[in-house]
Amino acid sequence: MFQNWQHIYDYLFVCVFFPSIRFDCKKVDFCLAKPTTKVRIAYFYFFYFPINQSVKKKKNVFTSFLFSRTFFTTNKMELKGSCHCGKATFSVKSHTPAPFMRCYCSICRKTNGGGGYCINIMGMYKTLKVNGEEHLRTYQAVRDKATGELCGNIRYFCGECGSHLYAYDRKYAEYVYPVASCIDTPLPELDSSSDVYHILTKDKANWVMIPKGAQHTFDEYPDLSLEDWHIKTKRLVD
């Protein structure tokens, strides 16, 4: 069953951290009661992926993905959101629910309004459930008006009251990005100075004031992702 010490290590790792996963040693079968595609991938990875110096780095990267919180989607925080008129509602599970990143780009400012910025959080797309989908309208903004290049984000709005609900980008197909202001579930409270990130500030309107004492401001995109921030600040929902 085990071809080398790495396979033994992998076996023990799974037994300790994922006890719901069962090994059938006689059949060399790595499975759940109803094996998923990712579990089958894990099976071939553990028992057939060769170990040598040329592939060791790639394997370590794959291991990180395989056991990342985005691989297993249980035990996430369920977020419920709605538009103002109530004709469109949705729910989605998220492991990154903190509304810490404020985007001041012209697209976010004009499609979301408010204080001149938009706050998106992140959820798992396959857990998204929408009621009143017939009321939704979409908008894909032009990123470059000179060339006509479109943004990757497809923004979803209620066609009745105009509330901006969430965004979806096919490039990051496993995620969806709800707008924090339409979430009805209480979100984590943050320190406005040390926790909040202000991004694309070069595009902000002149009347928009970034709070004094803000520790994280970026002319362009920030130096970490939504998930990285939650890991760094120990706010990732397990």
C-alpha atoms as a PDB file:
ATOM      1  CA  MET A   1       0.000   0.000   0.000  1.00  0.00           C
ATOM      2  CA  PHE A   2       2.700   2.500   0.999  1.00  0.00           C
ATOM      3  CA  GLN A   3       5.518   3.003  -1.477  1.00  0.00           C
ATOM      4  CA  ASN A   4       7.676   5.290   0.660  1.00  0.00           C
ATOM      5  CA  TRP A   5       7.795   7.370   3.847  1.00  0.00           C
ATOM      6  CA  GLN A   6       5.922  10.278   2.215  1.00  0.00           C
ATOM      7  CA  HIS A   7       2.863   8.086   1.644  1.00  0.00           C
ATOM      8  CA  ILE A   8       2.936   7.064   5.299  1.00  0.00           C
ATOM      9  CA  TYR A   9       3.128  10.711   6.327  1.00  0.00           C
ATOM     10  CA  ASP A  10       0.210  11.576   4.036  1.00  0.00           C
ATOM     11  CA  TYR A  11      -1.842   8.716   5.447  1.00  0.00           C
ATOM     12  CA  LEU A  12      -1.282   9.851   9.049  1.00  0.00           C
ATOM     13  CA  PHE A  13      -1.980  13.477   8.112  1.00  0.00           C
ATOM     14  CA  VAL A  14      -5.381  12.598   6.686  1.00  0.00           C
ATOM     15  CA  CYS A  15      -6.254  10.294   9.605  1.00  0.00           C
ATOM     16  CA  VAL A  16      -5.520  13.028  12.153  1.00  0.00           C
ATOM     17  CA  PHE A  17      -7.000  16.070  10.407  1.00  0.00           C
ATOM     18  CA  PHE A  18      -9.786  14.457   8.383  1.00  0.00           C
ATOM     19  CA  PRO A  19     -11.093  11.548  10.476  1.00  0.00           C
ATOM     20  CA  SER A  20     -14.300  11.334   8.417  1.00  0.00           C
ATOM     21  CA  ILE A  21     -12.239  10.029   5.514  1.00  0.00           C
ATOM     22  CA  ARG A  22     -11.939   6.228   5.496  1.00  0.00           C
ATOM     23  CA  PHE A  23      -9.102   4.110   4.131  1.00  0.00           C
ATOM     24  CA  ASP A  24      -9.767   0.549   2.993  1.00  0.00           C
ATOM     25  CA  CYS A  25      -6.282  -0.960   3.147  1.00  0.00           C
ATOM     26  CA  LYS A  26      -7.242  -4.168   1.354  1.00  0.00           C
ATOM     27  CA  LYS A  27      -8.553  -2.344  -1.700  1.00  0.00           C
ATOM     28  CA  VAL A  28      -6.143   0.573  -1.339  1.00  0.00           C
ATOM     29  CA  ASP A  29      -9.262   2.661  -1.519  1.00  0.00           C
ATOM     30  CA  PHE A  30      -9.295   6.327  -0.439  1.00  0.00           C
ATOM     31  CA  CYS A  31     -12.922   7.338  -0.179  1.00  0.00           C
ATOM     32  CA  LEU A  32     -15.927   8.742   1.618  1.00  0.00           C
ATOM     33  CA  ALA A  33     -19.322   7.097   1.756  1.00  0.00           C
ATOM     34  CA  LYS A  34     -19.973   8.832  -1.579  1.00  0.00           C
ATOM     35  CA  PRO A  35     -16.582   9.719  -3.126  1.00  0.00           C
ATOM     36  CA  THR A  36     -16.404  13.127  -4.768  1.00  0.00           C
ATOM     37  CA  THR A  37     -14.212  14.040  -7.717  1.00  0.00           C
ATOM     38  CA  LYS A  38     -11.759  15.840  -5.445  1.00  0.00           C
ATOM     39  CA  VAL A  39     -11.546  12.834  -3.137  1.00  0.00           C
ATOM     40  CA  ARG A  40     -10.720  10.613  -6.128  1.00  0.00           C
ATOM     41  CA  ILE A  41      -8.032  13.108  -7.123  1.00  0.00           C
ATOM     42  CA  ALA A  42      -6.666  12.867  -3.597  1.00  0.00           C
ATOM     43  CA  TYR A  43      -6.608   9.075  -3.873  1.00  0.00           C
ATOM     44  CA  PHE A  44      -4.436   9.099  -6.985  1.00  0.00           C
ATOM     45  CA  TYR A  45      -2.294  11.821  -5.515  1.00  0.00           C
ATOM     46  CA  PHE A  46      -1.493   9.912  -2.352  1.00  0.00           C
ATOM     47  CA  PHE A  47      -0.756   6.574  -3.942  1.00  0.00           C
ATOM     48  CA  TYR A  48       0.414   7.211  -7.501  1.00  0.00           C
ATOM     49  CA  PHE A  49       2.108  10.608  -7.544  1.00  0.00           C
ATOM     50  CA  PRO A  50       5.899   9.978  -7.748  1.00  0.00           C
ATOM     51  CA  ILE A  51       8.233  11.586  -5.245  1.00  0.00           C
ATOM     52  CA  ASN A  52      11.546  12.982  -6.430  1.00  0.00           C
ATOM     53  CA  GLN A  53      13.361  16.290  -6.292  1.00  0.00           C
ATOM     54  CA  SER A  54      12.022  17.519  -9.641  1.00  0.00           C
ATOM     55  CA  VAL A  55       8.379  17.245  -8.583  1.00  0.00           C
ATOM     56  CA  LYS A  56       8.680  17.745  -4.838  1.00  0.00           C
ATOM     57  CA  LYS A  57       8.001  21.483  -5.036  1.00  0.00           C
ATOM     58  CA  LYS A  58       4.960  20.954  -7.265  1.00  0.00           C
ATOM     59  CA  LYS A  59       3.631  18.319  -4.898  1.00  0.00           C
ATOM     60  CA  ASN A  60       3.993  20.646  -1.913  1.00  0.00           C
ATOM     61  CA  VAL A  61       2.002  23.291  -3.771  1.00  0.00           C
ATOM     62  CA  PHE A  62      -0.682  20.743  -4.608  1.00  0.00           C
ATOM     63  CA  THR A  63      -0.784  19.612  -0.970  1.00  0.00           C
ATOM     64  CA  SER A  64      -1.351  23.189   0.149  1.00  0.00           C
ATOM     65  CA  PHE A  65      -4.285  23.502  -2.240  1.00  0.00           C
ATOM     66  CA  LEU A  66      -5.664  20.067  -1.424  1.00  0.00           C
ATOM     67  CA  PHE A  67      -5.918  20.798   2.281  1.00  0.00           C
ATOM     68  CA  SER A  68      -6.712  24.501   2.049  1.00  0.00           C
ATOM     69  CA  ARG A  69      -9.997  25.759   3.455  1.00  0.00           C
ATOM     70  CA  THR A  70     -11.238  26.406  -0.057  1.00  0.00           C
ATOM     71  CA  PHE A  71     -10.953  22.684  -0.866  1.00  0.00           C
ATOM     72  CA  PHE A  72     -13.336  21.594   1.880  1.00  0.00           C
ATOM     73  CA  THR A  73     -16.426  23.813   2.035  1.00  0.00           C
ATOM     74  CA  THR A  74     -18.039  22.631   5.259  1.00  0.00           C
ATOM     75  CA  ASN A  75     -18.306  24.714   8.438  1.00  0.00           C
ATOM     76  CA  LYS A  76     -18.368  28.051   6.644  1.00  0.00           C
ATOM     77  CA  MET A  77     -20.327  31.069   7.857  1.00  0.00           C
ATOM     78  CA  GLU A  78     -23.679  31.364   6.084  1.00  0.00           C
ATOM     79  CA  LEU A  79     -24.401  34.881   4.876  1.00  0.00           C
ATOM     80  CA  LYS A  80     -27.911  36.018   3.971  1.00  0.00           C
ATOM     81  CA  GLY A  81     -28.465  39.084   1.832  1.00  0.00           C
ATOM     82  CA  SER A  82     -31.290  40.957   0.167  1.00  0.00           C
ATOM     83  CA  CYS A  83     -32.120  43.975  -1.938  1.00  0.00           C
ATOM     84  CA  HIS A  84     -34.028  46.927  -0.484  1.00  0.00           C
ATOM     85  CA  CYS A  85     -37.423  46.035  -1.952  1.00  0.00           C
ATOM     86  CA  GLY A  86     -37.069  42.393  -0.904  1.00  0.00           C
ATOM     87  CA  LYS A  87     -37.790  40.852  -4.304  1.00  0.00           C
ATOM     88  CA  ALA A  88     -34.292  39.355  -4.546  1.00  0.00           C
ATOM     89  CA  THR A  89     -32.643  37.478  -1.699  1.00  0.00           C
ATOM     90  CA  PHE A  90     -29.667  35.148  -1.546  1.00  0.00           C
ATOM     91  CA  SER A  91     -27.515  33.088   0.776  1.00  0.00           C
ATOM     92  CA  VAL A  92     -23.910  31.955   0.434  1.00  0.00           C
ATOM     93  CA  LYS A  93     -21.303  30.301   2.634  1.00  0.00           C
ATOM     94  CA  SER A  94     -18.095  32.176   3.340  1.00  0.00           C
ATOM     95  CA  HIS A  95     -14.857  31.612   5.203  1.00  0.00           C
ATOM     96  CA  THR A  96     -13.831  35.254   4.613  1.00  0.00           C
ATOM     97  CA  PRO A  97     -16.770  37.345   5.919  1.00  0.00           C
ATOM     98  CA  ALA A  98     -14.945  40.387   7.332  1.00  0.00           C
ATOM     99  CA  PRO A  99     -15.749  43.595   5.368  1.00  0.00           C
ATOM    100  CA  PHE A 100     -12.232  45.016   5.535  1.00  0.00           C
ATOM    101  CA  MET A 101     -11.426  46.093   1.953  1.00  0.00           C
ATOM    102  CA  ARG A 102     -12.777  49.366   0.554  1.00  0.00           C
ATOM    103  CA  CYS A 103     -12.342  49.878  -3.181  1.00  0.00           C
ATOM    104  CA  TYR A 104     -12.352  53.482  -4.430  1.00  0.00           C
ATOM    105  CA  CYS A 105     -12.133  52.796  -8.173  1.00  0.00           C
ATOM    106  CA  SER A 106     -14.545  54.725 -10.371  1.00  0.00           C
ATOM    107  CA  ILE A 107     -16.552  51.608 -11.222  1.00  0.00           C
ATOM    108  CA  CYS A 108     -17.154  50.660  -7.585  1.00  0.00           C
ATOM    109  CA  ARG A 109     -17.833  54.285  -6.660  1.00  0.00           C
ATOM    110  CA  LYS A 110     -20.460  54.785  -9.369  1.00  0.00           C
ATOM    111  CA  THR A 111     -22.162  51.383  -9.182  1.00  0.00           C
ATOM    112  CA  ASN A 112     -22.321  51.279  -5.399  1.00  0.00           C
ATOM    113  CA  GLY A 113     -22.493  54.924  -4.335  1.00  0.00           C
ATOM    114  CA  GLY A 114     -22.485  55.518  -0.590  1.00  0.00           C
ATOM    115  CA  GLY A 115     -19.206  56.807   0.769  1.00  0.00           C
ATOM    116  CA  GLY A 116     -17.455  56.675  -2.589  1.00  0.00           C
ATOM    117  CA  TYR A 117     -16.303  53.078  -2.290  1.00  0.00           C
ATOM    118  CA  CYS A 118     -17.589  49.504  -2.342  1.00  0.00           C
ATOM    119  CA  ILE A 119     -16.861  46.668   0.073  1.00  0.00           C
ATOM    120  CA  ASN A 120     -16.954  43.160  -1.331  1.00  0.00           C
ATOM    121  CA  ILE A 121     -16.531  40.019   0.721  1.00  0.00           C
ATOM    122  CA  MET A 122     -16.023  36.525  -0.659  1.00  0.00           C
ATOM    123  CA  GLY A 123     -18.162  33.384  -0.683  1.00  0.00           C
ATOM    124  CA  MET A 124     -18.089  29.962  -2.325  1.00  0.00           C
ATOM    125  CA  TYR A 125     -19.981  30.156  -5.623  1.00  0.00           C
ATOM    126  CA  LYS A 126     -21.317  26.596  -5.465  1.00  0.00           C
ATOM    127  CA  THR A 127     -23.112  27.449  -2.200  1.00  0.00           C
ATOM    128  CA  LEU A 128     -24.878  30.510  -3.663  1.00  0.00           C
ATOM    129  CA  LYS A 129     -28.672  30.242  -3.559  1.00  0.00           C
ATOM    130  CA  VAL A 130     -30.801  33.006  -5.072  1.00  0.00           C
ATOM    131  CA  ASN A 131     -34.528  33.643  -4.663  1.00  0.00           C
ATOM    132  CA  GLY A 132     -36.204  36.052  -7.059  1.00  0.00           C
ATOM    133  CA  GLU A 133     -33.571  35.511  -9.731  1.00  0.00           C
ATOM    134  CA  GLU A 134     -36.035  36.743 -12.356  1.00  0.00           C
ATOM    135  CA  HIS A 135     -35.700  40.237 -10.868  1.00  0.00           C
ATOM    136  CA  LEU A 136     -31.906  40.351 -11.274  1.00  0.00           C
ATOM    137  CA  ARG A 137     -30.115  42.448 -13.856  1.00  0.00           C
ATOM    138  CA  THR A 138     -26.418  42.286 -14.728  1.00  0.00           C
ATOM    139  CA  TYR A 139     -23.824  44.869 -15.679  1.00  0.00           C
ATOM    140  CA  GLN A 140     -20.311  44.277 -16.975  1.00  0.00           C
ATOM    141  CA  ALA A 141     -18.403  47.538 -16.804  1.00  0.00           C
ATOM    142  CA  VAL A 142     -15.990  48.797 -19.450  1.00  0.00           C
ATOM    143  CA  ARG A 143     -12.493  48.757 -17.964  1.00  0.00           C
ATOM    144  CA  ASP A 144     -10.844  50.699 -20.781  1.00  0.00           C
ATOM    145  CA  LYS A 145     -13.128  53.032 -22.743  1.00  0.00           C
ATOM    146  CA  ALA A 146     -10.472  53.558 -25.409  1.00  0.00           C
ATOM    147  CA  THR A 147     -10.259  49.865 -26.298  1.00  0.00           C
ATOM    148  CA  GLY A 148     -13.679  48.737 -25.094  1.00  0.00           C
ATOM    149  CA  GLU A 149     -12.115  46.114 -22.811  1.00  0.00           C
ATOM    150  CA  LEU A 150     -14.635  44.779 -20.292  1.00  0.00           C
ATOM    151  CA  CYS A 151     -14.066  44.046 -16.620  1.00  0.00           C
ATOM    152  CA  GLY A 152     -14.047  40.435 -15.553  1.00  0.00           C
ATOM    153  CA  ASN A 153     -16.610  41.148 -12.843  1.00  0.00           C
ATOM    154  CA  ILE A 154     -20.272  40.705 -13.730  1.00  0.00           C
ATOM    155  CA  ARG A 155     -22.281  42.753 -11.251  1.00  0.00           C
ATOM    156  CA  TYR A 156     -25.735  41.630 -10.208  1.00  0.00           C
ATOM    157  CA  PHE A 157     -28.427  44.158  -9.245  1.00  0.00           C
ATOM    158  CA  CYS A 158     -32.094  44.037  -8.345  1.00  0.00           C
ATOM    159  CA  GLY A 159     -33.965  45.332 -11.383  1.00  0.00           C
ATOM    160  CA  GLU A 160     -36.715  46.789  -9.202  1.00  0.00           C
ATOM    161  CA  CYS A 161     -34.880  48.853  -6.560  1.00  0.00           C
ATOM    162  CA  GLY A 162     -31.366  48.931  -8.023  1.00  0.00           C
ATOM    163  CA  SER A 163     -29.548  47.376  -5.050  1.00  0.00           C
ATOM    164  CA  HIS A 164     -26.106  45.990  -5.926  1.00  0.00           C
ATOM    165  CA  LEU A 165     -26.073  42.426  -4.547  1.00  0.00           C
ATOM    166  CA  TYR A 166     -22.926  40.605  -5.626  1.00  0.00           C
ATOM    167  CA  ALA A 167     -20.330  40.200  -8.358  1.00  0.00           C
ATOM    168  CA  TYR A 168     -19.004  37.166 -10.199  1.00  0.00           C
ATOM    169  CA  ASP A 169     -15.868  36.749 -12.291  1.00  0.00           C
ATOM    170  CA  ARG A 170     -15.478  33.669 -14.524  1.00  0.00           C
ATOM    171  CA  LYS A 171     -11.700  33.882 -14.045  1.00  0.00           C
ATOM    172  CA  TYR A 172     -12.238  33.016 -10.374  1.00  0.00           C
ATOM    173  CA  ALA A 173     -15.147  30.683 -10.989  1.00  0.00           C
ATOM    174  CA  GLU A 174     -15.251  29.053  -7.553  1.00  0.00           C
ATOM    175  CA  TYR A 175     -15.903  32.349  -5.781  1.00  0.00           C
ATOM    176  CA  VAL A 176     -18.647  34.976  -5.655  1.00  0.00           C
ATOM    177  CA  TYR A 177     -18.282  38.452  -4.145  1.00  0.00           C
ATOM    178  CA  PRO A 178     -21.294  39.728  -2.177  1.00  0.00           C
ATOM    179  CA  VAL A 179     -21.537  43.452  -1.478  1.00  0.00           C
ATOM    180  CA  ALA A 180     -21.227  43.901   2.282  1.00  0.00           C
ATOM    181  CA  SER A 181     -23.921  46.600   2.475  1.00  0.00           C
ATOM    182  CA  CYS A 182     -26.625  44.191   1.267  1.00  0.00           C
ATOM    183  CA  ILE A 183     -25.771  41.436   3.768  1.00  0.00           C
ATOM    184  CA  ASP A 184     -28.372  41.068   6.525  1.00  0.00           C
ATOM    185  CA  THR A 185     -26.297  38.658   8.619  1.00  0.00           C
ATOM    186  CA  PRO A 186     -24.202  40.509  11.231  1.00  0.00           C
ATOM    187  CA  LEU A 187     -20.612  40.729   9.955  1.00  0.00           C
ATOM    188  CA  PRO A 188     -17.411  40.903  12.040  1.00  0.00           C
ATOM    189  CA  GLU A 189     -16.695  44.326  13.522  1.00  0.00           C
ATOM    190  CA  LEU A 190     -13.327  45.850  12.598  1.00  0.00           C
ATOM    191  CA  ASP A 191     -10.932  48.513  13.804  1.00  0.00           C
ATOM    192  CA  SER A 192     -11.106  51.353  11.281  1.00  0.00           C
ATOM    193  CA  SER A 193      -7.394  52.150  11.624  1.00  0.00           C
ATOM    194  CA  SER A 194      -5.594  48.818  11.870  1.00  0.00           C
ATOM    195  CA  ASP A 195      -7.977  46.433  10.096  1.00  0.00           C
ATOM    196  CA  VAL A 196      -9.462  48.292   7.117  1.00  0.00           C
ATOM    197  CA  TYR A 197      -7.665  48.376   3.758  1.00  0.00           C
ATOM    198  CA  HIS A 198      -8.222  51.271   1.346  1.00  0.00           C
ATOM    199  CA  ILE A 199      -7.397  50.300  -2.243  1.00  0.00           C
ATOM    200  CA  LEU A 200      -7.175  52.090  -5.608  1.00  0.00           C
ATOM    201  CA  THR A 201      -7.130  55.384  -3.763  1.00  0.00           C
ATOM    202  CA  LYS A 202      -5.630  57.075  -6.834  1.00  0.00           C
ATOM    203  CA  ASP A 203      -9.092  56.868  -8.386  1.00  0.00           C
ATOM    204  CA  LYS A 204     -11.112  58.165  -5.435  1.00  0.00           C
ATOM    205  CA  ALA A 205     -13.276  61.251  -5.773  1.00  0.00           C
ATOM    206  CA  ASN A 206     -11.750  64.441  -4.363  1.00  0.00           C
ATOM    207  CA  TRP A 207     -14.508  64.769  -1.746  1.00  0.00           C
ATOM    208  CA  VAL A 208     -13.907  61.280  -0.343  1.00  0.00           C
ATOM    209  CA  MET A 209     -11.936  61.408   2.903  1.00  0.00           C
ATOM    210  CA  ILE A 210      -9.902  58.427   4.060  1.00  0.00           C
ATOM    211  CA  PRO A 211     -10.045  58.298   7.889  1.00  0.00           C
ATOM    212  CA  LYS A 212      -7.072  59.757   9.714  1.00  0.00           C
ATOM    213  CA  GLY A 213      -4.822  57.094  11.163  1.00  0.00           C
ATOM    214  CA  ALA A 214      -5.594  54.540   8.451  1.00  0.00           C
ATOM    215  CA  GLN A 215      -2.634  52.155   8.378  1.00  0.00           C
ATOM    216  CA  HIS A 216      -3.308  50.433   5.063  1.00  0.00           C
ATOM    217  CA  THR A 217      -3.769  52.573   1.952  1.00  0.00           C
ATOM    218  CA  PHE A 218      -2.866  51.561  -1.604  1.00  0.00           C
ATOM    219  CA  ASP A 219      -2.808  53.560  -4.828  1.00  0.00           C
ATOM    220  CA  GLU A 220      -3.258  50.279  -6.697  1.00  0.00           C
ATOM    221  CA  TYR A 221      -4.200  46.791  -5.515  1.00  0.00           C
ATOM    222  CA  PRO A 222      -3.170  45.600  -2.026  1.00  0.00           C
ATOM    223  CA  ASP A 223      -0.319  43.297  -1.106  1.00  0.00           C
ATOM    224  CA  LEU A 224      -2.584  40.428  -0.014  1.00  0.00           C
ATOM    225  CA  SER A 225      -5.826  38.708  -0.976  1.00  0.00           C
ATOM    226  CA  LEU A 226      -9.126  38.523   0.899  1.00  0.00           C
ATOM    227  CA  GLU A 227      -8.210  35.070   2.150  1.00  0.00           C
ATOM    228  CA  ASP A 228      -4.634  36.067   3.049  1.00  0.00           C
ATOM    229  CA  TRP A 229      -5.940  38.912   5.221  1.00  0.00           C
ATOM    230  CA  HIS A 230      -8.290  36.605   7.104  1.00  0.00           C
ATOM    231  CA  ILE A 231      -5.464  34.148   7.717  1.00  0.00           C
ATOM    232  CA  LYS A 232      -3.070  36.902   8.793  1.00  0.00           C
ATOM    233  CA  THR A 233      -5.553  38.426  11.232  1.00  0.00           C
ATOM    234  CA  LYS A 234      -6.797  35.004  12.426  1.00  0.00           C
ATOM    235  CA  ARG A 235     -10.343  35.733  11.281  1.00  0.00           C
ATOM    236  CA  LEU A 236     -10.675  32.882   8.802  1.00  0.00           C
ATOM    237  CA  VAL A 237     -13.830  30.898   9.526  1.00  0.00           C
ATOM    238  CA  ASP A 238     -12.929  27.208   9.865  1.00  0.00           C
END
